[in-house]
Amino acid sequence: MEREVAGAVRYLVALLCLFAVASLLDGCGPAATDEPEAPSGREEAPETARIVCGRDGTRVLTPVVKARSDGVHLVIDNRLDAEAGYSFEDPAGGGEGGSAPRGGSKHVVGYPPGEARVGCEKPPVDGVGTDYQTLRVVDPEGFYKPVELQCQGGMAVGGGPQYAAGAEGKEGDPVEMVRRGLSNRLREGDTVELAGYPESQERRIVRVVRDGRVVATVAFFRDSGGWLEDSTSSCAGF
């Protein structure tokens, strides 16, 4: 009987030791860091990009980000002593940007899927000295619709702001605004539809597709609760 009791005690002690070791190992996982969070082959890209603006430049903690229906979401951690600038740039030199207050802030940009350069600029923000790093935007849901013109012969014309000083945005659907504004130039079979990121809260782009090609675009931006026509572009002869 004593041998059976002693054996049972030794067995229980062994089990307790195994539980203790497992608990210690479980607490030894990787701590949260500022290291890049590259998704593995089994993980989806995050829906928000994390970017750090620091004294040592720009760090992109999420090298790949998934687009949403309203654009590309960013969280910028500005660790500088004052407001910083940030910008997106494509290989051709176009892009967009804004300012990021000290600490963490959320932003949404309309950058299309593909390789992008994103960078922070230390104060004073004057467009010089931006430290660019690479960020890849993916769009598995197919939210983004291209806005680049597809003109035969490559001939295109464009126009700047289409509003007078002091004008206020108009309520309504930008697609219907374009249909009315271009009614004398549209042909039967033309498709007028939202392009870019269709649910963008600050900027909407409407495109005209004719015979499978984008032949015109009209850009609007949000103002006073409505939409102001910002710029136009079209193929020559549209």
Foldseek 3Di string as FASTA:
>chain_A
DVVVVVVVVVVVVVVVVVVVVVVVVVVPDDDDDLAADEDDPVDDQAQEWEWEQDPVWIDTNRQEHEADLQARKYKYAYQDPFKKKKWKADPVGDTDIDIDGHGIDMDGGLDDFAKIWMFIGDPPPDPPDTDTDIHGYDYPPPSAADDDFDADVPAKDKDFFPDDPPDFADADDVQVVVCVVCVVPDDPPKDWAWHRRCPHPFKTKIFIADPNTTFKIWMWGHGPNHTGTGMMMGGPPD
